[in-house]
PDB file of all heavy atoms in Angstrom:
ATOM      1  N   THR A   1     -94.481  38.064  63.275  1.00  0.00           N
ATOM      2  CA  THR A   1     -95.749  38.772  63.160  1.00  0.00           C
ATOM      3  C   THR A   1     -96.858  37.738  63.048  1.00  0.00           C
ATOM      4  O   THR A   1     -96.653  36.637  62.537  1.00  0.00           O
ATOM      5  CB  THR A   1     -95.791  39.705  61.936  1.00  0.00           C
ATOM      6  OG1 THR A   1     -95.665  38.915  60.736  1.00  0.00           O
ATOM      7  CG2 THR A   1     -94.681  40.725  61.973  1.00  0.00           C
ATOM      8  N   TRP A   2     -97.993  38.105  63.563  1.00  0.00           N
ATOM      9  CA  TRP A   2     -99.188  37.270  63.434  1.00  0.00           C
ATOM     10  C   TRP A   2    -100.277  38.092  62.756  1.00  0.00           C
ATOM     11  O   TRP A   2    -100.558  39.228  63.167  1.00  0.00           O
ATOM     12  CB  TRP A   2     -99.719  36.838  64.804  1.00  0.00           C
ATOM     13  CG  TRP A   2     -98.933  35.761  65.491  1.00  0.00           C
ATOM     14  CD1 TRP A   2     -99.186  34.423  65.487  1.00  0.00           C
ATOM     15  CD2 TRP A   2     -97.762  35.936  66.307  1.00  0.00           C
ATOM     16  NE1 TRP A   2     -98.256  33.748  66.246  1.00  0.00           N
ATOM     17  CE2 TRP A   2     -97.365  34.655  66.762  1.00  0.00           C
ATOM     18  CE3 TRP A   2     -97.016  37.054  66.698  1.00  0.00           C
ATOM     19  CZ2 TRP A   2     -96.274  34.467  67.587  1.00  0.00           C
ATOM     20  CZ3 TRP A   2     -95.919  36.866  67.505  1.00  0.00           C
ATOM     21  CH2 TRP A   2     -95.546  35.584  67.942  1.00  0.00           C
ATOM     22  N   ILE A   3    -100.904  37.537  61.731  1.00  0.00           N
ATOM     23  CA  ILE A   3    -102.084  38.162  61.171  1.00  0.00           C
ATOM     24  C   ILE A   3    -103.271  37.884  62.075  1.00  0.00           C
ATOM     25  O   ILE A   3    -104.091  38.750  62.330  1.00  0.00           O
ATOM     26  CB  ILE A   3    -102.398  37.615  59.761  1.00  0.00           C
ATOM     27  CG1 ILE A   3    -101.170  37.683  58.876  1.00  0.00           C
ATOM     28  CG2 ILE A   3    -103.538  38.412  59.124  1.00  0.00           C
ATOM     29  CD1 ILE A   3    -101.363  36.949  57.581  1.00  0.00           C
ATOM     30  N   GLU A   4    -103.321  36.653  62.532  1.00  0.00           N
ATOM     31  CA  GLU A   4    -104.391  36.239  63.438  1.00  0.00           C
ATOM     32  C   GLU A   4    -103.730  35.531  64.621  1.00  0.00           C
ATOM     33  O   GLU A   4    -103.284  34.388  64.495  1.00  0.00           O
ATOM     34  CB  GLU A   4    -105.371  35.303  62.737  1.00  0.00           C
ATOM     35  CG  GLU A   4    -106.118  35.957  61.585  1.00  0.00           C
ATOM     36  CD  GLU A   4    -106.998  34.967  60.825  1.00  0.00           C
ATOM     37  OE1 GLU A   4    -106.783  33.740  60.983  1.00  0.00           O
ATOM     38  OE2 GLU A   4    -107.874  35.414  60.077  1.00  0.00           O
ATOM     39  N   ALA A   5    -103.617  36.233  65.734  1.00  0.00           N
ATOM     40  CA  ALA A   5    -102.965  35.676  66.918  1.00  0.00           C
ATOM     41  C   ALA A   5    -104.026  35.127  67.867  1.00  0.00           C
ATOM     42  O   ALA A   5    -104.860  35.894  68.358  1.00  0.00           O
ATOM     43  CB  ALA A   5    -102.132  36.741  67.623  1.00  0.00           C
ATOM     44  N   PRO A   6    -104.015  33.822  68.142  1.00  0.00           N
ATOM     45  CA  PRO A   6    -105.031  33.261  69.037  1.00  0.00           C
ATOM     46  C   PRO A   6    -104.978  33.850  70.440  1.00  0.00           C
ATOM     47  O   PRO A   6    -105.992  33.864  71.140  1.00  0.00           O
ATOM     48  CB  PRO A   6    -104.716  31.760  69.030  1.00  0.00           C
ATOM     49  CG  PRO A   6    -103.315  31.649  68.540  1.00  0.00           C
ATOM     50  CD  PRO A   6    -103.105  32.793  67.622  1.00  0.00           C
ATOM     51  N   PHE A   7    -103.824  34.357  70.842  1.00  0.00           N
ATOM     52  CA  PHE A   7    -103.689  34.950  72.173  1.00  0.00           C
ATOM     53  C   PHE A   7    -104.097  36.424  72.192  1.00  0.00           C
ATOM     54  O   PHE A   7    -104.013  37.081  73.211  1.00  0.00           O
ATOM     55  CB  PHE A   7    -102.246  34.806  72.673  1.00  0.00           C
ATOM     56  CG  PHE A   7    -101.204  35.261  71.676  1.00  0.00           C
ATOM     57  CD1 PHE A   7    -100.863  36.600  71.562  1.00  0.00           C
ATOM     58  CD2 PHE A   7    -100.579  34.348  70.849  1.00  0.00           C
ATOM     59  CE1 PHE A   7     -99.930  37.012  70.642  1.00  0.00           C
ATOM     60  CE2 PHE A   7     -99.628  34.753  69.918  1.00  0.00           C
ATOM     61  CZ  PHE A   7     -99.301  36.091  69.814  1.00  0.00           C
ATOM     62  N   ASN A   8    -104.544  36.958  71.014  1.00  0.00           N
ATOM     63  CA  ASN A   8    -104.989  38.360  70.940  1.00  0.00           C
ATOM     64  C   ASN A   8    -106.327  38.441  70.205  1.00  0.00           C
ATOM     65  O   ASN A   8    -106.521  39.307  69.359  1.00  0.00           O
ATOM     66  CB  ASN A   8    -103.928  39.225  70.241  1.00  0.00           C
ATOM     67  CG  ASN A   8    -104.220  40.716  70.339  1.00  0.00           C
ATOM     68  OD1 ASN A   8    -104.629  41.207  71.386  1.00  0.00           O
ATOM     69  ND2 ASN A   8    -104.021  41.436  69.245  1.00  0.00           N
ATOM     70  N   GLU A   9    -107.223  37.525  70.547  1.00  0.00           N
ATOM     71  CA  GLU A   9    -108.565  37.510  69.958  1.00  0.00           C
ATOM     72  C   GLU A   9    -108.511  37.461  68.444  1.00  0.00           C
ATOM     73  O   GLU A   9    -109.308  38.089  67.748  1.00  0.00           O
ATOM     74  CB  GLU A   9    -109.371  38.730  70.435  1.00  0.00           C
ATOM     75  CG  GLU A   9    -109.542  38.782  71.951  1.00  0.00           C
ATOM     76  CD  GLU A   9    -110.266  40.040  72.410  1.00  0.00           C
ATOM     77  OE1 GLU A   9    -110.069  41.105  71.774  1.00  0.00           O
ATOM     78  OE2 GLU A   9    -111.020  39.951  73.380  1.00  0.00           O
ATOM     79  N   ASN A  10    -107.516  36.719  67.907  1.00  0.00           N
ATOM     80  CA  ASN A  10    -107.320  36.547  66.468  1.00  0.00           C
ATOM     81  C   ASN A  10    -107.075  37.860  65.734  1.00  0.00           C
ATOM     82  O   ASN A  10    -107.362  37.992  64.550  1.00  0.00           O
ATOM     83  CB  ASN A  10    -108.493  35.799  65.832  1.00  0.00           C
ATOM     84  CG  ASN A  10    -108.344  34.299  65.982  1.00  0.00           C
ATOM     85  OD1 ASN A  10    -107.236  33.784  66.173  1.00  0.00           O
ATOM     86  ND2 ASN A  10    -109.450  33.584  65.911  1.00  0.00           N
ATOM     87  N   ARG A  11    -106.493  38.808  66.459  1.00  0.00           N
ATOM     88  CA  ARG A  11    -106.055  40.044  65.824  1.00  0.00           C
ATOM     89  C   ARG A  11    -104.537  40.021  65.668  1.00  0.00           C
ATOM     90  O   ARG A  11    -103.846  39.178  66.227  1.00  0.00           O
ATOM     91  CB  ARG A  11    -106.509  41.259  66.633  1.00  0.00           C
ATOM     92  CG  ARG A  11    -108.024  41.420  66.667  1.00  0.00           C
ATOM     93  CD  ARG A  11    -108.429  42.752  67.285  1.00  0.00           C
ATOM     94  NE  ARG A  11    -109.884  42.916  67.222  1.00  0.00           N
ATOM     95  CZ  ARG A  11    -110.714  42.536  68.169  1.00  0.00           C
ATOM     96  NH1 ARG A  11    -110.239  41.986  69.288  1.00  0.00           N
ATOM     97  NH2 ARG A  11    -112.014  42.701  68.017  1.00  0.00           N
ATOM     98  N   ALA A  12    -104.008  41.001  64.943  1.00  0.00           N
ATOM     99  CA  ALA A  12    -102.596  40.998  64.579  1.00  0.00           C
ATOM    100  C   ALA A  12    -101.697  41.348  65.760  1.00  0.00           C
ATOM    101  O   ALA A  12    -102.104  42.068  66.683  1.00  0.00           O
ATOM    102  CB  ALA A  12    -102.352  41.977  63.436  1.00  0.00           C
ATOM    103  N   VAL A  13    -100.459  40.849  65.702  1.00  0.00           N
ATOM    104  CA  VAL A  13     -99.434  41.124  66.717  1.00  0.00           C
ATOM    105  C   VAL A  13     -98.075  41.194  66.018  1.00  0.00           C
ATOM    106  O   VAL A  13     -97.792  40.420  65.108  1.00  0.00           O
ATOM    107  CB  VAL A  13     -99.401  40.037  67.818  1.00  0.00           C
ATOM    108  CG1 VAL A  13     -98.222  40.267  68.770  1.00  0.00           C
ATOM    109  CG2 VAL A  13    -100.710  40.004  68.598  1.00  0.00           C
ATOM    110  N   TRP A  14     -97.253  42.157  66.443  1.00  0.00           N
ATOM    111  CA  TRP A  14     -95.870  42.282  65.980  1.00  0.00           C
ATOM    112  C   TRP A  14     -94.943  42.154  67.191  1.00  0.00           C
ATOM    113  O   TRP A  14     -95.268  42.678  68.264  1.00  0.00           O
ATOM    114  CB  TRP A  14     -95.616  43.658  65.370  1.00  0.00           C
ATOM    115  CG  TRP A  14     -95.838  43.767  63.905  1.00  0.00           C
ATOM    116  CD1 TRP A  14     -94.909  43.979  62.939  1.00  0.00           C
ATOM    117  CD2 TRP A  14     -97.095  43.705  63.223  1.00  0.00           C
ATOM    118  NE1 TRP A  14     -95.506  44.047  61.701  1.00  0.00           N
ATOM    119  CE2 TRP A  14     -96.843  43.872  61.845  1.00  0.00           C
ATOM    120  CE3 TRP A  14     -98.419  43.492  63.632  1.00  0.00           C
ATOM    121  CZ2 TRP A  14     -97.843  43.847  60.885  1.00  0.00           C
ATOM    122  CZ3 TRP A  14     -99.420  43.468  62.680  1.00  0.00           C
ATOM    123  CH2 TRP A  14     -99.125  43.644  61.326  1.00  0.00           C
ATOM    124  N   GLN A  15     -93.782  41.521  67.006  1.00  0.00           N
ATOM    125  CA  GLN A  15     -92.771  41.567  68.062  1.00  0.00           C
ATOM    126  C   GLN A  15     -91.408  41.831  67.444  1.00  0.00           C
ATOM    127  O   GLN A  15     -90.988  41.169  66.516  1.00  0.00           O
ATOM    128  CB  GLN A  15     -92.772  40.294  68.909  1.00  0.00           C
ATOM    129  CG  GLN A  15     -92.398  39.021  68.186  1.00  0.00           C
ATOM    130  CD  GLN A  15     -92.460  37.796  69.095  1.00  0.00           C
ATOM    131  OE1 GLN A  15     -93.349  37.673  69.935  1.00  0.00           O
ATOM    132  NE2 GLN A  15     -91.512  36.884  68.925  1.00  0.00           N
ATOM    133  N   HIS A  16     -90.722  42.866  67.941  1.00  0.00           N
ATOM    134  CA  HIS A  16     -89.418  43.308  67.445  1.00  0.00           C
ATOM    135  C   HIS A  16     -88.488  43.520  68.625  1.00  0.00           C
ATOM    136  O   HIS A  16     -88.887  44.109  69.633  1.00  0.00           O
ATOM    137  CB  HIS A  16     -89.532  44.673  66.734  1.00  0.00           C
ATOM    138  CG  HIS A  16     -90.074  44.629  65.355  1.00  0.00           C
ATOM    139  ND1 HIS A  16     -89.267  44.580  64.254  1.00  0.00           N
ATOM    140  CD2 HIS A  16     -91.342  44.659  64.893  1.00  0.00           C
ATOM    141  CE1 HIS A  16     -90.021  44.589  63.156  1.00  0.00           C
ATOM    142  NE2 HIS A  16     -91.281  44.638  63.519  1.00  0.00           N
ATOM    143  N   LEU A  17     -87.238  43.116  68.485  1.00  0.00           N
ATOM    144  CA  LEU A  17     -86.211  43.444  69.467  1.00  0.00           C
ATOM    145  C   LEU A  17     -85.557  44.761  69.090  1.00  0.00           C
ATOM    146  O   LEU A  17     -85.184  44.985  67.934  1.00  0.00           O
ATOM    147  CB  LEU A  17     -85.164  42.336  69.536  1.00  0.00           C
ATOM    148  CG  LEU A  17     -83.994  42.570  70.507  1.00  0.00           C
ATOM    149  CD1 LEU A  17     -84.481  42.695  71.942  1.00  0.00           C
ATOM    150  CD2 LEU A  17     -82.965  41.447  70.377  1.00  0.00           C
ATOM    151  N   MET A  18     -85.391  45.651  70.095  1.00  0.00           N
ATOM    152  CA  MET A  18     -84.742  46.943  69.873  1.00  0.00           C
ATOM    153  C   MET A  18     -83.443  47.002  70.690  1.00  0.00           C
ATOM    154  O   MET A  18     -82.929  45.979  71.130  1.00  0.00           O
ATOM    155  CB  MET A  18     -85.684  48.075  70.300  1.00  0.00           C
ATOM    156  CG  MET A  18     -87.032  48.057  69.632  1.00  0.00           C
ATOM    157  SD  MET A  18     -88.072  49.456  70.132  1.00  0.00           S
ATOM    158  CE  MET A  18     -88.447  49.048  71.828  1.00  0.00           C
ATOM    159  N   ALA A  19     -82.921  48.186  70.886  1.00  0.00           N
ATOM    160  CA  ALA A  19     -81.722  48.366  71.705  1.00  0.00           C
ATOM    161  C   ALA A  19     -82.055  48.159  73.177  1.00  0.00           C
ATOM    162  O   ALA A  19     -83.214  48.191  73.594  1.00  0.00           O
ATOM    163  CB  ALA A  19     -81.147  49.763  71.488  1.00  0.00           C
ATOM    164  N   ASP A  20     -81.020  47.945  73.978  1.00  0.00           N
ATOM    165  CA  ASP A  20     -81.124  47.803  75.436  1.00  0.00           C
ATOM    166  C   ASP A  20     -81.905  46.558  75.851  1.00  0.00           C
ATOM    167  O   ASP A  20     -82.423  46.482  76.960  1.00  0.00           O
ATOM    168  CB  ASP A  20     -81.778  49.041  76.080  1.00  0.00           C
ATOM    169  CG  ASP A  20     -81.064  50.330  75.733  1.00  0.00           C
ATOM    170  OD1 ASP A  20     -79.821  50.302  75.687  1.00  0.00           O
ATOM    171  OD2 ASP A  20     -81.739  51.345  75.504  1.00  0.00           O
ATOM    172  N   GLY A  21     -82.027  45.563  74.937  1.00  0.00           N
ATOM    173  CA  GLY A  21     -82.771  44.362  75.281  1.00  0.00           C
ATOM    174  C   GLY A  21     -84.258  44.591  75.424  1.00  0.00           C
ATOM    175  O   GLY A  21     -84.958  43.788  76.052  1.00  0.00           O
ATOM    176  N   VAL A  22     -84.785  45.679  74.852  1.00  0.00           N
ATOM    177  CA  VAL A  22     -86.210  46.004  74.941  1.00  0.00           C
ATOM    178  C   VAL A  22     -86.923  45.467  73.702  1.00  0.00           C
ATOM    179  O   VAL A  22     -86.480  45.682  72.578  1.00  0.00           O
ATOM    180  CB  VAL A  22     -86.426  47.524  75.067  1.00  0.00           C
ATOM    181  CG1 VAL A  22     -87.912  47.851  75.068  1.00  0.00           C
ATOM    182  CG2 VAL A  22     -85.764  48.051  76.335  1.00  0.00           C
ATOM    183  N   TRP A  23     -88.022  44.764  73.936  1.00  0.00           N
ATOM    184  CA  TRP A  23     -88.860  44.273  72.846  1.00  0.00           C
ATOM    185  C   TRP A  23     -90.054  45.198  72.659  1.00  0.00           C
ATOM    186  O   TRP A  23     -90.689  45.607  73.624  1.00  0.00           O
ATOM    187  CB  TRP A  23     -89.367  42.859  73.137  1.00  0.00           C
ATOM    188  CG  TRP A  23     -88.319  41.803  72.947  1.00  0.00           C
ATOM    189  CD1 TRP A  23     -87.349  41.449  73.832  1.00  0.00           C
ATOM    190  CD2 TRP A  23     -88.145  40.967  71.799  1.00  0.00           C
ATOM    191  NE1 TRP A  23     -86.567  40.451  73.310  1.00  0.00           N
ATOM    192  CE2 TRP A  23     -87.035  40.124  72.064  1.00  0.00           C
ATOM    193  CE3 TRP A  23     -88.812  40.838  70.587  1.00  0.00           C
ATOM    194  CZ2 TRP A  23     -86.593  39.179  71.146  1.00  0.00           C
ATOM    195  CZ3 TRP A  23     -88.365  39.887  69.666  1.00  0.00           C
ATOM    196  CH2 TRP A  23     -87.266  39.074  69.949  1.00  0.00           C
ATOM    197  N   ARG A  24     -90.355  45.500  71.408  1.00  0.00           N
ATOM    198  CA  ARG A  24     -91.571  46.232  71.061  1.00  0.00           C
ATOM    199  C   ARG A  24     -92.613  45.187  70.671  1.00  0.00           C
ATOM    200  O   ARG A  24     -92.439  44.433  69.711  1.00  0.00           O
ATOM    201  CB  ARG A  24     -91.293  47.179  69.889  1.00  0.00           C
ATOM    202  CG  ARG A  24     -92.509  47.571  69.051  1.00  0.00           C
ATOM    203  CD  ARG A  24     -93.349  48.649  69.681  1.00  0.00           C
ATOM    204  NE  ARG A  24     -92.643  49.899  69.783  1.00  0.00           N
ATOM    205  CZ  ARG A  24     -92.566  50.801  68.781  1.00  0.00           C
ATOM    206  NH1 ARG A  24     -93.136  50.572  67.618  1.00  0.00           N
ATOM    207  NH2 ARG A  24     -91.919  51.924  68.971  1.00  0.00           N
ATOM    208  N   ILE A  25     -93.711  45.143  71.411  1.00  0.00           N
ATOM    209  CA  ILE A  25     -94.824  44.259  71.082  1.00  0.00           C
ATOM    210  C   ILE A  25     -96.008  45.143  70.697  1.00  0.00           C
ATOM    211  O   ILE A  25     -96.464  45.954  71.504  1.00  0.00           O
ATOM    212  CB  ILE A  25     -95.225  43.343  72.261  1.00  0.00           C
ATOM    213  CG1 ILE A  25     -93.990  42.757  72.961  1.00  0.00           C
ATOM    214  CG2 ILE A  25     -96.171  42.255  71.778  1.00  0.00           C
ATOM    215  CD1 ILE A  25     -93.241  41.723  72.193  1.00  0.00           C
ATOM    216  N   ASP A  26     -96.483  45.023  69.474  1.00  0.00           N
ATOM    217  CA  ASP A  26     -97.634  45.786  68.988  1.00  0.00           C
ATOM    218  C   ASP A  26     -98.846  44.860  68.923  1.00  0.00           C
ATOM    219  O   ASP A  26     -98.799  43.827  68.242  1.00  0.00           O
ATOM    220  CB  ASP A  26     -97.372  46.335  67.579  1.00  0.00           C
ATOM    221  CG  ASP A  26     -96.357  47.445  67.553  1.00  0.00           C
ATOM    222  OD1 ASP A  26     -95.210  47.221  67.966  1.00  0.00           O
ATOM    223  OD2 ASP A  26     -96.704  48.532  67.090  1.00  0.00           O
ATOM    224  N   TYR A  27     -99.899  45.230  69.615  1.00  0.00           N
ATOM    225  CA  TYR A  27    -101.130  44.441  69.619  1.00  0.00           C
ATOM    226  C   TYR A  27    -102.230  45.216  68.905  1.00  0.00           C
ATOM    227  O   TYR A  27    -102.532  46.362  69.263  1.00  0.00           O
ATOM    228  CB  TYR A  27    -101.583  44.151  71.050  1.00  0.00           C
ATOM    229  CG  TYR A  27    -100.650  43.264  71.847  1.00  0.00           C
ATOM    230  CD1 TYR A  27     -99.743  43.814  72.749  1.00  0.00           C
ATOM    231  CD2 TYR A  27    -100.691  41.876  71.713  1.00  0.00           C
ATOM    232  CE1 TYR A  27     -98.902  43.017  73.495  1.00  0.00           C
ATOM    233  CE2 TYR A  27     -99.858  41.062  72.460  1.00  0.00           C
ATOM    234  CZ  TYR A  27     -98.958  41.632  73.346  1.00  0.00           C
ATOM    235  OH  TYR A  27     -98.113  40.829  74.091  1.00  0.00           O
ATOM    236  N   GLN A  28    -102.852  44.581  67.927  1.00  0.00           N
ATOM    237  CA  GLN A  28    -104.021  45.179  67.293  1.00  0.00           C
ATOM    238  C   GLN A  28    -105.219  45.037  68.234  1.00  0.00           C
ATOM    239  O   GLN A  28    -105.469  43.968  68.784  1.00  0.00           O
ATOM    240  CB  GLN A  28    -104.312  44.485  65.965  1.00  0.00           C
ATOM    241  CG  GLN A  28    -105.379  45.167  65.126  1.00  0.00           C
ATOM    242  CD  GLN A  28    -105.632  44.421  63.823  1.00  0.00           C
ATOM    243  OE1 GLN A  28    -105.594  43.189  63.791  1.00  0.00           O
ATOM    244  NE2 GLN A  28    -105.871  45.165  62.751  1.00  0.00           N
TER     245      GLN A  28
END
């Protein structure tokens, strides 16, 4: 997780691996 992600205008980002090799990426 990023509180301040430089690649997302210093907003938060989450990355989680789920089933079937699918990643959930949440961008604030």
